[in-house]
Every structure is written in C-alpha cells, then in structure tokens.
C-alpha cells in the first residue's frame, strides 16, 4: 500500500488566511479552534489542493481573501517513493494547476492528490437537486479513473453540440438527419459513463451497509443506488427517437447520464424525505468512509481524509469509535472545537493544530 502524506501546505489569500504555512502529521491531524476561527477554511484549502475546487460548493471567486485579487495554494506531497510539489493559482477567469512547476490541465491534475471530504454542506447532496449528486459522483470517480474524466469531458462537448443543433433544427437552420452522428456518439459515451457510475456506487454497497450497521444502527438498512433511464444501446436509441419532438421544442437533450441521479434509502424509504438530519449526516459519512476503503483497493494508496464538523451529531461513544476506525486510514484532517469533545482520547502519533496560532 502506497502511503500518501501531505507534509505541508502554503496558503496565500485563501478565505480568511492571508499567508500561512501549515505542517501536518502522517496520521490524524486535529484542527482545533472555536467557531468562526478558520477551521473549515483550512480544511477547504486542503480539499481544494486535491479537487481543484471547493468541497463546500463555493464559487472560486468567493474564496479570495478580502481585498486580494487572487489566491495561491502550494503543497508538498510525499509517497513511499517520491515527493512532489503541487500548486494551484486562481485569478477570476483563470485557474491553473502545477505539479513540480509543470503546468497541467485541471482534468489531468485531478487525482494527483486524491482526497475524500465530509462537511456540513454535504447535506445538500441529499436535499439538493440531482445535478449536485451527479457532480459529486463525477468528481469522486474522476480522481481514480482518468479515462472516465476524459469521457466525461467529451460527453459534455457532444451534448453541447447536439443541443445547439436541436435549436438550429427548430429555427429551420438544420435538418433532423444531422442528429444521427451526434446520437451515435452520445449513446456510446453516455452508456460508458452510466456503467462506470453504477459500478462505483454498487462497489460501495456492501461496505456502506456494514459500516452503517456497525457504527450507527444495527437494525437499519442503508442503500445507495444509481438511477438511470438508459440501460443499453437499444433503450437509449428508442428514448432519443421517442423524445425528438420534445427535444427540438426545448432545444435540450432529455435523456442521458446528465439526467441521472444518486438515490439513497433508509429502511426502504427515501432518506431525504423520511430521515432526520442526524440520520442523513450519518448516511453521508458512511458513504465517504466506504469510499476510503474503495480508493485504497483501486489506487493501492491511501487518500487524504478531510472531516469537517463530523462530531456535531455523534455522541461520545460514536466519536471514539470513529477515531478508532480512522486509525488505519492514512492521513486524516479532522476539525473540532476542543479536545474535550473526545475527552482527551487523542490517538498516538496524532498532531494537534490550533488555528488561532496560525495567525502569527
């Protein structure tokens, strides 16, 4: 197993941080401080170094420190065999990623530092529109499957061109038979994306079920499933033919992976409607912890695990159980208000980082 470790990170003009360098330990890093002290902002910077976007669903321009014109994040990433320098810069309208000072396209940079994050804003994944859940799936899979990332980019391009052609047909500027080559590409790439998303979700199923029973509720049955209207080439083709008039009228493609969803049920009921906020948070946390195991098996390396405000709806016993579960998960970054929240149960080799001391 390859052990990835973010040794240090430099933050320049990101959120509440003007300029700071943070050193991290190889195992659990406790990010400690009172509310509004900058814990979540530090974790957001960590996640951004991996995702090249905010894990709190913020727009990039919202992340620039007040009064600054851009932000910069740098990280020193070490594995069993090598060490590399990561850098992301953002100025409104321009975002760039670098590995050892070599410029990379964002789609090629993604996955260099695989991370799995959990935070309060993740509740939007259950309560929000399907587009958020699709975006989440695409982000996670793209970290571990470069081919999927490229297929997704090609699919979006084809979708854009096909929708443009639909509008031209409606305006009498093109003929309906011109859709044929676009349909063929849409079907081929669309089915590949659906297959990979379903494989990803299904691969987590057994681990999710076991974790939720062991960690949250022994009698509960938690299930995540991928919902799609297209199952094979013939079905996709039939749906496109059936919806052609509606598509021309709307100027939009009505079927494909861009319309799919990630569903979650607890004891047979949709969790977004039937469960408490605490149960919803627990379900999402379980999904993320199952991802850690899956990433380990696929990448043969441990991702960075970023947990923001994870203790807020867990009792002490579950907090201690979670810490025990995290001990063999590699490098973890976990925020909490005070170490009293775990009654001093700080695992060996952990590091405590007090955000108020980072201000200098």
Protein backbone atom coordinates (compact mmCIF):
# COMPACT_ATOMS: atom_id res chain seq x y z
CA UNK A 1 0.00 0.00 0.00
CA UNK A 2 1.35 3.40 -1.03
CA UNK A 3 1.17 5.90 1.81
CA UNK A 4 0.46 9.44 0.64
CA UNK A 5 1.26 12.24 3.03
CA UNK A 6 0.79 15.96 2.64
CA UNK A 7 3.81 17.19 4.55
CA UNK A 8 2.99 20.90 4.44
CA UNK A 9 0.81 23.46 2.73
CA UNK A 10 1.26 27.14 1.98
CA UNK A 11 -1.88 29.28 1.80
CA UNK A 12 -1.90 32.73 0.21
CA UNK A 13 -5.05 34.89 0.25
CA UNK A 14 -7.45 31.98 0.55
CA UNK A 15 -10.63 32.65 2.55
CA UNK A 16 -9.64 34.06 5.98
CA UNK A 17 -5.93 33.29 5.53
CA UNK A 18 -3.55 35.95 4.19
CA UNK A 19 -0.33 33.96 4.29
CA UNK A 20 0.41 30.88 6.35
CA UNK A 21 2.39 27.65 6.16
CA UNK A 22 1.00 24.60 7.95
CA UNK A 23 2.94 21.42 8.77
CA UNK A 24 0.97 18.17 9.04
CA UNK A 25 1.50 14.84 10.75
CA UNK A 26 1.31 11.49 8.92
CA UNK A 27 -1.82 10.19 10.67
CA UNK A 28 -4.70 12.05 12.36
CA UNK A 29 -4.40 15.84 12.35
CA UNK A 30 -6.80 17.58 14.73
CA UNK A 31 -7.68 21.07 13.51
CA UNK A 32 -8.76 22.74 16.75
CA UNK A 33 -10.38 26.11 17.43
CA UNK A 34 -13.61 27.88 18.39
CA UNK A 35 -16.38 28.56 15.91
CA UNK A 36 -15.50 31.07 13.16
CA UNK A 37 -11.77 30.73 13.88
CA UNK A 38 -10.88 29.34 10.44
CA UNK A 39 -11.05 25.55 10.89
CA UNK A 40 -13.35 24.98 7.92
CA UNK A 41 -11.37 27.41 5.77
CA UNK A 42 -8.19 25.44 6.42
CA UNK A 43 -9.92 22.18 5.51
CA UNK A 44 -11.38 23.82 2.43
CA UNK A 45 -7.88 24.77 1.31
CA UNK A 46 -6.71 21.18 1.85
CA UNK A 47 -9.59 19.79 -0.20
CA UNK A 48 -9.05 22.38 -2.92
CA UNK A 49 -5.49 21.18 -3.34
CA UNK A 50 -6.94 17.78 -4.24
CA UNK A 51 -10.19 18.59 -6.04
CA UNK A 52 -9.13 21.91 -7.61
CA UNK A 53 -12.49 23.19 -6.41
CA UNK A 54 -14.29 23.85 -3.13
CA UNK A 55 -15.76 20.91 -1.25
CA UNK A 56 -18.22 23.37 0.30
CA UNK A 57 -19.81 24.19 -3.09
CA UNK A 58 -18.42 27.74 -3.07
CA UNK A 59 -17.57 29.51 -6.30
CA UNK A 60 -13.86 30.13 -6.80
CA UNK A 61 -14.15 33.91 -6.66
CA UNK A 62 -15.77 33.61 -3.22
CA UNK A 63 -12.59 32.01 -1.89
CA UNK A 64 -10.29 35.00 -2.45
CA UNK A 65 -9.32 36.77 0.75
CA UNK A 66 -11.00 40.13 1.19
CA UNK A 67 -9.00 42.85 -0.57
CA UNK A 68 -6.85 40.42 -2.59
CA UNK A 69 -7.11 39.76 -6.32
CA UNK A 70 -6.15 36.07 -6.41
CA UNK A 71 -5.22 33.11 -4.24
CA UNK A 72 -2.45 30.50 -4.30
CA UNK A 73 -2.17 27.09 -2.65
CA UNK A 74 1.01 25.03 -2.52
CA UNK A 75 1.53 21.58 -1.07
CA UNK A 76 4.41 19.17 -0.57
CA UNK A 77 3.12 15.65 -1.22
CA UNK A 78 5.21 12.65 -0.25
CA UNK A 79 4.67 8.97 -1.06
CA UNK A 80 6.69 5.82 -0.36
CA UNK A 81 8.85 6.51 -3.40
CA UNK A 82 8.89 10.20 -4.22
CA UNK A 83 7.97 13.74 -3.29
CA UNK A 84 6.24 16.30 -5.48
CA UNK A 85 5.17 19.91 -5.27
CA UNK A 86 1.55 20.81 -6.01
CA UNK A 87 0.37 24.33 -6.79
CA UNK A 88 -2.95 25.87 -7.75
CA UNK A 89 -3.43 29.54 -8.56
CA UNK A 90 -6.69 31.35 -9.19
CA UNK A 91 -7.40 34.78 -10.57
CA UNK A 92 -11.01 35.49 -11.66
CA UNK A 93 -11.35 33.91 -15.08
CA UNK A 94 -8.16 31.86 -14.82
CA UNK A 95 -7.33 28.80 -12.74
CA UNK A 96 -4.04 26.93 -13.20
CA UNK A 97 -2.60 23.75 -11.69
CA UNK A 98 1.06 22.74 -11.49
CA UNK A 99 2.97 19.62 -10.48
CA UNK A 100 6.66 20.25 -9.84
CA UNK A 101 6.20 23.61 -11.65
CA UNK A 102 4.93 21.88 -14.81
CA UNK A 103 1.57 23.17 -15.99
CA UNK A 104 -1.27 20.62 -16.08
CA UNK A 105 -4.81 20.73 -17.39
CA UNK A 106 -7.22 20.53 -14.46
CA UNK A 107 -8.62 17.25 -15.76
CA UNK A 108 -5.11 15.76 -15.74
CA UNK A 109 -4.21 17.26 -12.36
CA UNK A 110 -7.26 15.71 -10.68
CA UNK A 111 -6.29 12.53 -8.87
CA UNK A 112 -2.70 13.56 -8.17
CA UNK A 113 -3.69 14.09 -4.56
CA UNK A 114 -6.85 12.01 -4.06
CA UNK A 115 -8.99 13.24 -1.19
CA UNK A 116 -12.31 12.31 0.36
CA UNK A 117 -14.11 15.04 2.27
CA UNK A 118 -17.11 15.33 4.55
CA UNK A 119 -18.67 18.52 5.89
CA UNK A 120 -21.97 20.18 6.84
CA UNK A 121 -22.58 21.40 3.29
CA UNK A 122 -22.71 17.79 2.11
CA UNK A 123 -26.31 17.65 3.27
CA UNK A 124 -27.08 19.47 0.01
CA UNK A 125 -26.15 16.21 -1.72
CA UNK A 126 -29.30 14.66 -0.29
CA UNK A 127 -31.57 17.69 -0.12
CA UNK A 128 -30.45 19.49 -3.27
CA UNK A 129 -31.14 18.88 -6.98
CA UNK A 130 -29.85 15.83 -8.89
CA UNK A 131 -27.20 17.98 -10.61
CA UNK A 132 -25.29 18.22 -7.31
CA UNK A 133 -25.27 14.45 -6.89
CA UNK A 134 -24.11 13.93 -10.47
CA UNK A 135 -21.35 16.49 -9.94
CA UNK A 136 -20.33 14.69 -6.76
CA UNK A 137 -20.14 11.29 -8.49
CA UNK A 138 -18.15 12.74 -11.37
CA UNK A 139 -15.67 14.39 -9.02
CA UNK A 140 -15.08 11.24 -6.99
CA UNK A 141 -14.74 8.87 -9.95
CA UNK A 142 -12.50 11.27 -11.87
CA UNK A 143 -9.96 11.11 -9.05
CA UNK A 144 -9.44 7.40 -9.56
CA UNK A 145 -10.24 6.94 -13.27
CA UNK A 146 -8.52 9.25 -15.76
CA UNK A 147 -10.33 7.63 -18.70
CA UNK A 148 -13.69 8.44 -17.10
CA UNK A 149 -12.63 12.07 -16.71
CA UNK A 150 -11.81 12.29 -20.42
CA UNK A 151 -15.03 10.51 -21.41
CA UNK A 152 -17.00 12.94 -19.30
CA UNK A 153 -15.35 15.94 -20.95
CA UNK A 154 -16.07 14.51 -24.42
CA UNK A 155 -19.67 13.74 -23.49
CA UNK A 156 -20.26 17.31 -22.32
CA UNK A 157 -18.86 18.63 -25.59
CA UNK A 158 -21.11 16.34 -27.63
CA UNK A 159 -24.11 17.28 -25.51
CA UNK A 160 -23.41 20.98 -26.07
CA UNK A 161 -23.13 20.48 -29.85
CA UNK A 162 -26.25 18.32 -30.02
CA UNK A 163 -28.31 20.86 -28.07
CA UNK A 164 -27.10 23.61 -30.38
CA UNK A 165 -28.16 21.53 -33.39
CA UNK A 166 -31.60 20.93 -31.84
CA UNK A 167 -32.11 24.69 -31.61
CA UNK A 168 -30.96 25.12 -35.20
CA UNK A 169 -33.46 22.49 -36.35
CA UNK A 170 -36.22 24.32 -34.51
CA UNK A 171 -35.25 27.55 -36.27
CA UNK A 172 -35.14 25.85 -39.66
CA UNK A 173 -31.37 26.24 -39.97
CA UNK A 174 -30.59 22.48 -39.96
CA UNK A 175 -32.17 19.13 -40.81
CA UNK A 176 -33.17 16.39 -38.39
CA UNK A 177 -30.96 13.76 -40.07
CA UNK A 178 -27.91 15.78 -38.98
CA UNK A 179 -28.52 14.46 -35.47
CA UNK A 180 -27.52 10.90 -36.42
CA UNK A 181 -23.73 11.16 -35.89
CA UNK A 182 -24.22 13.10 -32.66
CA UNK A 183 -26.72 10.49 -31.42
CA UNK A 184 -24.23 7.72 -32.05
CA UNK A 185 -21.50 9.44 -30.03
CA UNK A 186 -23.96 10.44 -27.30
CA UNK A 187 -25.08 6.83 -26.88
CA UNK A 188 -21.57 5.35 -26.87
CA UNK A 189 -20.12 7.78 -24.34
CA UNK A 190 -23.32 8.07 -22.33
CA UNK A 191 -23.53 4.33 -21.71
CA UNK A 192 -19.85 4.21 -20.72
CA UNK A 193 -20.45 6.95 -18.13
CA UNK A 194 -23.59 5.25 -16.79
CA UNK A 195 -21.74 1.93 -16.49
CA UNK A 196 -18.83 3.48 -14.57
CA UNK A 197 -21.06 5.44 -12.22
CA UNK A 198 -23.13 2.37 -11.45
CA UNK A 199 -20.02 0.25 -10.88
CA UNK A 200 -18.72 2.85 -8.46
CA UNK A 201 -21.94 3.09 -6.43
CA UNK A 202 -22.52 -0.68 -6.43
CA UNK A 203 -18.94 -1.35 -5.33
CA UNK A 204 -19.57 0.68 -2.16
CA UNK A 205 -22.85 -1.05 -1.30
CA UNK A 206 -21.68 -3.88 0.93
CA UNK A 207 -19.21 -1.67 2.83
CA UNK A 208 -21.84 1.05 3.32
CA UNK A 209 -24.34 -1.44 4.72
CA UNK A 210 -21.85 -2.97 7.14
CA UNK A 211 -20.43 0.35 8.33
CA UNK A 212 -23.86 1.83 8.98
CA UNK A 213 -24.97 -1.22 10.96
CA UNK A 214 -21.74 -1.44 12.96
CA UNK A 215 -21.24 2.26 13.53
CA UNK A 216 -24.71 3.86 13.53
CA UNK A 217 -27.68 1.49 13.81
CA UNK A 218 -27.54 -2.31 13.84
CA UNK A 219 -31.17 -2.65 12.71
CA UNK A 220 -31.05 -0.13 9.84
CA UNK A 221 -30.75 -0.88 6.15
CA UNK A 222 -28.98 1.90 4.25
CA UNK A 223 -28.81 1.63 0.45
CA UNK A 224 -27.34 3.97 -2.17
CA UNK A 225 -28.32 3.23 -5.78
CA UNK A 226 -27.76 4.77 -9.17
CA UNK A 227 -30.93 5.77 -11.05
CA UNK A 228 -30.92 5.96 -14.83
CA UNK A 229 -33.45 5.71 -17.65
CA UNK A 230 -30.95 4.15 -20.06
CA UNK A 231 -29.76 0.57 -19.71
CA UNK A 232 -28.44 -0.37 -23.14
CA UNK A 233 -27.88 0.92 -26.67
CA UNK A 234 -31.34 -0.08 -27.91
CA UNK A 235 -33.12 1.57 -24.99
CA UNK A 236 -31.12 4.78 -25.33
CA UNK A 237 -31.80 4.91 -29.07
CA UNK A 238 -35.51 4.31 -28.51
CA UNK A 239 -35.75 7.09 -25.95
CA UNK A 240 -33.97 9.55 -28.25
CA UNK A 241 -36.34 8.69 -31.11
CA UNK A 242 -39.39 8.92 -28.84
CA UNK A 243 -38.44 12.33 -27.45
CA UNK A 244 -37.21 14.00 -30.64
CA UNK A 245 -40.15 16.42 -30.99
CA UNK A 246 -39.92 17.46 -27.35
CA UNK A 247 -36.16 17.88 -27.66
CA UNK A 248 -36.45 20.11 -30.70
CA UNK A 249 -39.08 22.24 -28.96
CA UNK A 250 -36.96 22.60 -25.81
CA UNK A 251 -33.57 22.73 -27.51
CA UNK A 252 -32.23 20.23 -24.97
CA UNK A 253 -31.33 16.54 -24.82
CA UNK A 254 -33.82 14.92 -22.47
CA UNK A 255 -32.14 11.55 -21.85
CA UNK A 256 -28.64 10.54 -20.87
CA UNK A 257 -26.33 10.47 -17.85
CA UNK A 258 -26.76 14.25 -17.50
CA UNK A 259 -30.31 13.44 -16.30
CA UNK A 260 -29.49 10.60 -13.89
CA UNK A 261 -29.47 10.62 -10.10
CA UNK A 262 -27.99 9.03 -6.98
CA UNK A 263 -30.70 7.69 -4.70
CA UNK A 264 -30.47 6.86 -1.00
CA UNK A 265 -32.98 4.87 1.07
CA UNK A 266 -33.06 4.07 4.77
CA UNK A 267 -35.18 1.04 5.61
CA UNK A 268 -36.81 1.29 2.19
CA UNK A 269 -37.76 5.00 2.37
CA UNK A 270 -36.05 7.86 0.57
CA UNK A 271 -33.79 9.39 3.15
CA UNK A 272 -34.20 12.98 2.00
CA UNK A 273 -37.89 12.86 2.93
CA UNK A 274 -38.13 10.37 5.79
CA UNK A 275 -34.96 10.70 7.88
CA UNK A 276 -33.73 13.19 10.46
CA UNK A 277 -30.81 15.48 9.72
CA UNK A 278 -28.67 13.36 12.03
CA UNK A 279 -29.52 10.21 10.06
CA UNK A 280 -28.82 11.98 6.79
CA UNK A 281 -25.41 13.17 8.01
CA UNK A 282 -24.64 9.65 9.25
CA UNK A 283 -25.60 8.18 5.87
CA UNK A 284 -23.30 10.57 4.01
CA UNK A 285 -20.45 9.98 6.46
CA UNK A 286 -20.86 6.24 5.93
CA UNK A 287 -20.71 6.72 2.15
CA UNK A 288 -17.49 8.72 2.49
CA UNK A 289 -15.87 6.16 4.81
CA UNK A 290 -16.79 3.40 2.36
CA UNK A 291 -15.10 5.45 -0.35
CA UNK A 292 -11.85 5.40 1.63
CA UNK A 293 -11.83 1.61 1.53
CA UNK A 294 -12.68 1.61 -2.18
CA UNK A 295 -9.99 4.15 -3.05
CA UNK A 296 -7.48 2.02 -1.15
CA UNK A 297 -8.37 -1.07 -3.17
CA UNK A 298 -8.38 0.68 -6.56
CA UNK A 299 -5.43 3.05 -6.19
CA UNK A 300 -3.36 0.93 -3.82
CA UNK A 301 -2.76 4.14 -1.90
CA UNK A 302 -4.49 5.92 0.93
CA UNK A 303 -6.32 9.16 0.07
CA UNK A 304 -6.36 12.22 2.31
CA UNK A 305 -9.47 12.12 4.52
CA UNK A 306 -10.95 15.53 5.39
CA UNK A 307 -13.68 15.64 8.04
CA UNK A 308 -15.26 18.98 8.94
CA UNK A 309 -17.62 19.21 11.92
CA UNK A 310 -18.03 15.45 11.93
CA UNK A 311 -18.68 15.22 15.67
CA UNK A 312 -21.63 17.62 15.88
CA UNK A 313 -24.34 14.95 15.93
CA UNK A 314 -22.36 11.99 17.28
CA UNK A 315 -22.37 11.05 20.94
CA UNK A 316 -19.09 10.43 22.74
CA UNK A 317 -19.13 6.68 22.18
CA UNK A 318 -19.53 7.14 18.43
CA UNK A 319 -16.83 9.83 18.36
CA UNK A 320 -14.36 7.45 19.99
CA UNK A 321 -15.46 4.64 17.67
CA UNK A 322 -14.90 6.89 14.65
CA UNK A 323 -11.39 7.77 15.81
CA UNK A 324 -10.63 4.08 16.21
CA UNK A 325 -11.95 3.44 12.70
CA UNK A 326 -9.74 6.20 11.29
CA UNK A 327 -6.51 4.97 12.83
CA UNK A 328 -5.58 2.78 9.88
CA UNK A 329 -7.00 5.02 7.15
CA UNK A 330 -3.83 7.00 6.46
CA UNK A 331 -3.61 10.78 6.79
CA UNK A 332 -6.73 12.37 8.28
CA UNK A 333 -7.64 16.02 8.87
CA UNK A 334 -10.42 16.45 11.40
CA UNK A 335 -11.85 19.65 12.87
CA UNK A 336 -13.25 20.07 16.37
CA UNK A 337 -13.82 22.92 18.79
CA UNK A 338 -11.95 21.45 21.74
CA UNK A 339 -10.14 18.20 22.53
CA UNK A 340 -12.64 17.88 25.38
CA UNK A 341 -15.08 16.79 22.64
CA UNK A 342 -13.27 13.45 22.70
CA UNK A 343 -12.41 13.62 26.42
CA UNK A 344 -8.70 13.60 25.73
CA UNK A 345 -8.86 10.37 23.68
CA UNK A 346 -6.17 11.56 21.29
CA UNK A 347 -4.72 8.61 19.35
CA UNK A 348 -0.99 8.04 19.44
CA UNK A 349 1.01 9.82 16.70
CA UNK A 350 -1.74 12.40 16.19
CA UNK A 351 -0.96 16.06 15.67
CA UNK A 352 -2.95 18.96 17.13
CA UNK A 353 -3.06 22.14 15.05
CA UNK A 354 -4.59 25.16 16.79
CA UNK A 355 -5.88 27.50 14.10
CA UNK A 356 -5.62 30.58 16.30
CA UNK A 357 -1.86 30.06 16.48
CA UNK A 358 -1.62 30.10 12.65
CA UNK A 359 -2.35 33.82 12.54
CA UNK A 360 1.20 34.56 13.61
